[in-house]
Amino acid sequence: MFQLTLRGLLSLLLVALPLCATAFSLKGKVIDRETGDALIGATLTLPQIGRTTLTDNEGLFRFELPSQRNYTRTVSYLGYRKQTLTVNPARTDTLLLILFAHGCNFLYW
């Protein structure tokens, strides 16, 4: 009986470990500078790890990261200039990206 319980526990741990492998995340929101409206469908990329995501209908995005280190993040949106920023989830895990036609201001919150 004890062996069966121990095997079950070990099996559960082996299944759960891959789910816990991503310990860090980077999330935020992309908005228009002039109107403050969410930019739906803005493309965000982390080239070092080959991940890309789009903002949702509220302008929100989220990346699950394999480690807590510096990442170069790019954001692009039709009609706006593509922007690049180095971020570190150890310093901040949430970004507010304010885009406008000729550049990008970014704030940490």
N, C-alpha and C. Protein backbone atom coordinates (compact mmCIF):
# COMPACT_ATOMS: atom_id res chain seq x y z
N MET A 1 0.83 -1.20 0.00
CA MET A 1 0.00 0.00 0.00
C MET A 1 0.87 1.26 0.00
N PHE A 2 1.89 1.28 0.86
CA PHE A 2 2.78 2.44 0.94
C PHE A 2 3.51 2.66 -0.39
N GLN A 3 3.95 1.57 -1.05
CA GLN A 3 4.64 1.69 -2.32
C GLN A 3 3.73 2.26 -3.40
N LEU A 4 2.50 1.85 -3.40
CA LEU A 4 1.55 2.36 -4.38
C LEU A 4 1.34 3.86 -4.19
N THR A 5 1.25 4.32 -2.95
CA THR A 5 1.07 5.74 -2.67
C THR A 5 2.31 6.53 -3.06
N LEU A 6 3.48 5.99 -2.76
CA LEU A 6 4.73 6.65 -3.12
C LEU A 6 4.88 6.71 -4.64
N ARG A 7 4.54 5.65 -5.34
CA ARG A 7 4.58 5.66 -6.80
C ARG A 7 3.62 6.69 -7.37
N GLY A 8 2.44 6.75 -6.80
CA GLY A 8 1.47 7.74 -7.26
C GLY A 8 1.98 9.17 -7.07
N LEU A 9 2.60 9.42 -5.93
CA LEU A 9 3.14 10.74 -5.65
C LEU A 9 4.27 11.08 -6.62
N LEU A 10 5.16 10.13 -6.86
CA LEU A 10 6.25 10.36 -7.80
C LEU A 10 5.73 10.59 -9.22
N SER A 11 4.72 9.85 -9.60
CA SER A 11 4.12 10.03 -10.92
C SER A 11 3.51 11.43 -11.05
N LEU A 12 2.85 11.87 -10.01
CA LEU A 12 2.25 13.20 -10.01
C LEU A 12 3.32 14.27 -10.14
N LEU A 13 4.42 14.11 -9.42
CA LEU A 13 5.51 15.07 -9.50
C LEU A 13 6.12 15.11 -10.90
N LEU A 14 6.29 13.96 -11.52
CA LEU A 14 6.86 13.92 -12.86
C LEU A 14 5.94 14.59 -13.89
N VAL A 15 4.66 14.49 -13.68
CA VAL A 15 3.70 15.15 -14.57
C VAL A 15 3.68 16.65 -14.31
N ALA A 16 3.79 17.06 -13.04
CA ALA A 16 3.68 18.47 -12.68
C ALA A 16 4.95 19.27 -12.97
N LEU A 17 6.12 18.64 -12.98
CA LEU A 17 7.36 19.37 -13.18
C LEU A 17 7.40 20.14 -14.49
N PRO A 18 7.02 19.57 -15.63
CA PRO A 18 7.03 20.37 -16.86
C PRO A 18 6.09 21.57 -16.80
N LEU A 19 5.02 21.46 -16.04
CA LEU A 19 4.10 22.58 -15.91
C LEU A 19 4.71 23.71 -15.11
N CYS A 20 5.66 23.40 -14.24
CA CYS A 20 6.32 24.40 -13.39
C CYS A 20 7.61 24.91 -14.00
N ALA A 21 8.01 24.39 -15.15
CA ALA A 21 9.29 24.76 -15.75
C ALA A 21 9.34 26.24 -16.10
N THR A 22 8.24 26.84 -16.50
CA THR A 22 8.19 28.26 -16.81
C THR A 22 7.85 29.00 -15.53
N ALA A 23 8.87 29.60 -14.94
CA ALA A 23 8.68 30.23 -13.65
C ALA A 23 8.50 31.74 -13.75
N PHE A 24 8.76 32.31 -14.90
CA PHE A 24 8.73 33.76 -15.03
C PHE A 24 7.81 34.18 -16.16
N SER A 25 7.21 35.34 -16.01
CA SER A 25 6.35 35.85 -17.06
C SER A 25 6.59 37.34 -17.25
N LEU A 26 6.26 37.80 -18.42
CA LEU A 26 6.32 39.21 -18.76
C LEU A 26 4.97 39.54 -19.37
N LYS A 27 4.28 40.51 -18.80
CA LYS A 27 2.94 40.86 -19.27
C LYS A 27 2.84 42.37 -19.41
N GLY A 28 1.80 42.82 -20.06
CA GLY A 28 1.62 44.25 -20.19
C GLY A 28 0.46 44.60 -21.10
N LYS A 29 0.46 45.86 -21.47
CA LYS A 29 -0.62 46.41 -22.29
C LYS A 29 -0.01 47.37 -23.30
N VAL A 30 -0.56 47.37 -24.51
CA VAL A 30 -0.13 48.28 -25.57
C VAL A 30 -1.30 49.21 -25.87
N ILE A 31 -1.04 50.53 -25.79
CA ILE A 31 -2.10 51.52 -26.04
C ILE A 31 -1.61 52.59 -27.02
N ASP A 32 -2.55 53.28 -27.61
CA ASP A 32 -2.29 54.40 -28.49
C ASP A 32 -2.03 55.65 -27.65
N ARG A 33 -0.99 56.39 -27.99
CA ARG A 33 -0.62 57.58 -27.21
C ARG A 33 -1.68 58.68 -27.26
N GLU A 34 -2.25 58.88 -28.42
CA GLU A 34 -3.20 59.98 -28.59
C GLU A 34 -4.55 59.71 -27.94
N THR A 35 -5.06 58.50 -28.11
CA THR A 35 -6.41 58.20 -27.65
C THR A 35 -6.46 57.39 -26.36
N GLY A 36 -5.36 56.70 -26.03
CA GLY A 36 -5.35 55.82 -24.87
C GLY A 36 -6.06 54.50 -25.13
N ASP A 37 -6.51 54.29 -26.38
CA ASP A 37 -7.20 53.05 -26.72
C ASP A 37 -6.22 51.88 -26.79
N ALA A 38 -6.70 50.71 -26.44
CA ALA A 38 -5.91 49.49 -26.56
C ALA A 38 -5.63 49.22 -28.02
N LEU A 39 -4.41 48.78 -28.32
CA LEU A 39 -4.06 48.39 -29.69
C LEU A 39 -4.23 46.88 -29.80
N ILE A 40 -5.32 46.49 -30.42
CA ILE A 40 -5.67 45.09 -30.58
C ILE A 40 -4.85 44.49 -31.72
N GLY A 41 -4.20 43.38 -31.47
CA GLY A 41 -3.44 42.70 -32.51
C GLY A 41 -2.03 43.22 -32.73
N ALA A 42 -1.51 44.02 -31.80
CA ALA A 42 -0.11 44.43 -31.90
C ALA A 42 0.76 43.19 -31.73
N THR A 43 1.86 43.12 -32.48
CA THR A 43 2.74 41.96 -32.46
C THR A 43 3.92 42.23 -31.53
N LEU A 44 4.13 41.33 -30.58
CA LEU A 44 5.28 41.41 -29.67
C LEU A 44 6.11 40.16 -29.85
N THR A 45 7.43 40.35 -29.92
CA THR A 45 8.34 39.25 -30.17
C THR A 45 9.51 39.29 -29.20
N LEU A 46 9.92 38.11 -28.75
CA LEU A 46 11.16 37.93 -27.99
C LEU A 46 12.07 37.08 -28.88
N PRO A 47 12.93 37.72 -29.71
CA PRO A 47 13.70 36.96 -30.70
C PRO A 47 14.66 35.94 -30.11
N GLN A 48 15.21 36.20 -28.91
CA GLN A 48 16.18 35.26 -28.33
C GLN A 48 15.61 33.87 -28.11
N ILE A 49 14.31 33.81 -27.83
CA ILE A 49 13.69 32.50 -27.57
C ILE A 49 12.66 32.14 -28.64
N GLY A 50 12.57 32.97 -29.68
CA GLY A 50 11.70 32.66 -30.81
C GLY A 50 10.22 32.65 -30.47
N ARG A 51 9.79 33.52 -29.59
CA ARG A 51 8.36 33.57 -29.23
C ARG A 51 7.74 34.87 -29.70
N THR A 52 6.51 34.74 -30.20
CA THR A 52 5.74 35.88 -30.67
C THR A 52 4.32 35.75 -30.13
N THR A 53 3.73 36.88 -29.80
CA THR A 53 2.34 36.89 -29.35
C THR A 53 1.66 38.15 -29.88
N LEU A 54 0.35 38.14 -29.87
CA LEU A 54 -0.45 39.30 -30.26
C LEU A 54 -1.21 39.80 -29.05
N THR A 55 -1.46 41.10 -29.02
CA THR A 55 -2.29 41.63 -27.95
C THR A 55 -3.74 41.20 -28.16
N ASP A 56 -4.46 41.06 -27.05
CA ASP A 56 -5.85 40.63 -27.13
C ASP A 56 -6.77 41.83 -27.35
N ASN A 57 -8.08 41.64 -27.18
CA ASN A 57 -9.04 42.72 -27.45
C ASN A 57 -9.00 43.83 -26.41
N GLU A 58 -8.17 43.69 -25.38
CA GLU A 58 -7.96 44.76 -24.40
C GLU A 58 -6.54 45.32 -24.49
N GLY A 59 -5.79 44.90 -25.52
CA GLY A 59 -4.43 45.36 -25.70
C GLY A 59 -3.42 44.66 -24.79
N LEU A 60 -3.84 43.58 -24.13
CA LEU A 60 -2.99 42.88 -23.17
C LEU A 60 -2.18 41.78 -23.84
N PHE A 61 -0.99 41.53 -23.30
CA PHE A 61 -0.15 40.43 -23.77
C PHE A 61 0.52 39.77 -22.58
N ARG A 62 1.03 38.56 -22.81
CA ARG A 62 1.74 37.82 -21.76
C ARG A 62 2.70 36.83 -22.41
N PHE A 63 3.92 36.79 -21.91
CA PHE A 63 4.91 35.80 -22.30
C PHE A 63 5.26 34.95 -21.08
N GLU A 64 5.35 33.66 -21.26
CA GLU A 64 5.90 32.77 -20.25
C GLU A 64 7.36 32.57 -20.62
N LEU A 65 8.27 32.79 -19.66
CA LEU A 65 9.69 32.81 -19.95
C LEU A 65 10.42 31.64 -19.29
N PRO A 66 11.43 31.09 -19.96
CA PRO A 66 12.17 29.97 -19.39
C PRO A 66 13.15 30.37 -18.29
N SER A 67 13.58 31.61 -18.28
CA SER A 67 14.52 32.06 -17.24
C SER A 67 14.36 33.56 -17.01
N GLN A 68 14.90 34.00 -15.90
CA GLN A 68 14.80 35.40 -15.52
C GLN A 68 16.10 36.09 -15.90
N ARG A 69 16.15 36.62 -17.12
CA ARG A 69 17.32 37.30 -17.65
C ARG A 69 16.86 38.42 -18.56
N ASN A 70 17.79 39.14 -19.16
CA ASN A 70 17.43 40.21 -20.09
C ASN A 70 16.88 39.62 -21.39
N TYR A 71 15.80 40.22 -21.88
CA TYR A 71 15.20 39.84 -23.15
C TYR A 71 15.02 41.09 -23.99
N THR A 72 15.29 40.97 -25.27
CA THR A 72 15.00 42.05 -26.20
C THR A 72 13.58 41.84 -26.69
N ARG A 73 12.73 42.81 -26.48
CA ARG A 73 11.32 42.73 -26.85
C ARG A 73 11.09 43.71 -27.98
N THR A 74 10.43 43.27 -29.03
CA THR A 74 10.04 44.17 -30.11
C THR A 74 8.53 44.23 -30.16
N VAL A 75 8.02 45.39 -30.54
CA VAL A 75 6.58 45.56 -30.71
C VAL A 75 6.34 46.27 -32.03
N SER A 76 5.36 45.79 -32.77
CA SER A 76 5.01 46.44 -34.03
C SER A 76 3.50 46.44 -34.19
N TYR A 77 3.04 47.45 -34.91
CA TYR A 77 1.61 47.61 -35.16
C TYR A 77 1.47 48.40 -36.45
N LEU A 78 0.52 48.04 -37.27
CA LEU A 78 0.32 48.69 -38.56
C LEU A 78 0.16 50.20 -38.36
N GLY A 79 0.98 50.98 -39.06
CA GLY A 79 0.91 52.43 -38.97
C GLY A 79 1.83 53.02 -37.92
N TYR A 80 2.54 52.16 -37.18
CA TYR A 80 3.47 52.59 -36.14
C TYR A 80 4.85 52.03 -36.44
N ARG A 81 5.87 52.75 -35.99
CA ARG A 81 7.24 52.27 -36.20
C ARG A 81 7.55 51.13 -35.24
N LYS A 82 8.22 50.10 -35.74
CA LYS A 82 8.63 48.97 -34.91
C LYS A 82 9.61 49.45 -33.85
N GLN A 83 9.41 49.02 -32.61
CA GLN A 83 10.24 49.46 -31.50
C GLN A 83 10.88 48.27 -30.80
N THR A 84 12.06 48.51 -30.23
CA THR A 84 12.80 47.47 -29.52
C THR A 84 13.18 47.99 -28.13
N LEU A 85 13.08 47.10 -27.15
CA LEU A 85 13.39 47.45 -25.76
C LEU A 85 13.94 46.22 -25.06
N THR A 86 15.00 46.38 -24.26
CA THR A 86 15.50 45.29 -23.44
C THR A 86 14.81 45.35 -22.09
N VAL A 87 14.24 44.22 -21.68
CA VAL A 87 13.53 44.13 -20.41
C VAL A 87 14.07 42.95 -19.61
N ASN A 88 13.94 43.03 -18.30
CA ASN A 88 14.34 41.94 -17.42
C ASN A 88 13.21 41.68 -16.43
N PRO A 89 12.61 40.49 -16.46
CA PRO A 89 11.51 40.20 -15.55
C PRO A 89 11.92 40.20 -14.08
N ALA A 90 13.23 40.21 -13.79
CA ALA A 90 13.68 40.32 -12.40
C ALA A 90 13.42 41.73 -11.88
N ARG A 91 13.47 42.73 -12.76
CA ARG A 91 13.23 44.12 -12.35
C ARG A 91 11.77 44.50 -12.46
N THR A 92 11.10 44.01 -13.47
CA THR A 92 9.68 44.29 -13.65
C THR A 92 9.06 43.15 -14.43
N ASP A 93 7.82 42.85 -14.12
CA ASP A 93 7.14 41.81 -14.89
C ASP A 93 5.96 42.37 -15.67
N THR A 94 5.73 43.69 -15.57
CA THR A 94 4.59 44.30 -16.24
C THR A 94 5.04 45.56 -16.97
N LEU A 95 4.64 45.69 -18.23
CA LEU A 95 4.99 46.84 -19.05
C LEU A 95 3.74 47.55 -19.55
N LEU A 96 3.81 48.86 -19.64
CA LEU A 96 2.80 49.64 -20.35
C LEU A 96 3.51 50.25 -21.54
N LEU A 97 3.13 49.85 -22.73
CA LEU A 97 3.76 50.33 -23.95
C LEU A 97 2.82 51.32 -24.62
N ILE A 98 3.29 52.55 -24.76
CA ILE A 98 2.48 53.62 -25.35
C ILE A 98 3.06 53.92 -26.71
N LEU A 99 2.33 53.54 -27.76
CA LEU A 99 2.81 53.72 -29.13
C LEU A 99 2.23 54.96 -29.79
N PHE A 100 3.03 55.56 -30.62
CA PHE A 100 2.55 56.62 -31.48
C PHE A 100 3.27 56.52 -32.82
N ALA A 101 2.83 57.26 -33.80
CA ALA A 101 3.26 57.07 -35.18
C ALA A 101 4.77 57.21 -35.38
N HIS A 102 5.43 58.00 -34.58
CA HIS A 102 6.85 58.26 -34.80
C HIS A 102 7.75 57.69 -33.72
N GLY A 103 7.28 56.75 -32.90
CA GLY A 103 8.13 56.17 -31.88
C GLY A 103 7.34 55.49 -30.79
N CYS A 104 7.99 55.28 -29.68
CA CYS A 104 7.37 54.54 -28.59
C CYS A 104 7.91 55.06 -27.27
N ASN A 105 7.04 55.34 -26.34
CA ASN A 105 7.41 55.60 -24.95
C ASN A 105 7.00 54.38 -24.16
N PHE A 106 7.81 53.95 -23.23
CA PHE A 106 7.46 52.78 -22.43
C PHE A 106 7.62 53.13 -20.96
N LEU A 107 6.70 52.64 -20.18
CA LEU A 107 6.68 52.91 -18.75
C LEU A 107 6.57 51.59 -18.02
N TYR A 108 7.21 51.48 -16.87
CA TYR A 108 7.07 50.31 -16.02
C TYR A 108 6.05 50.64 -14.95
N TRP A 109 5.17 49.68 -14.64
CA TRP A 109 4.24 49.90 -13.55
C TRP A 109 4.06 48.68 -12.74
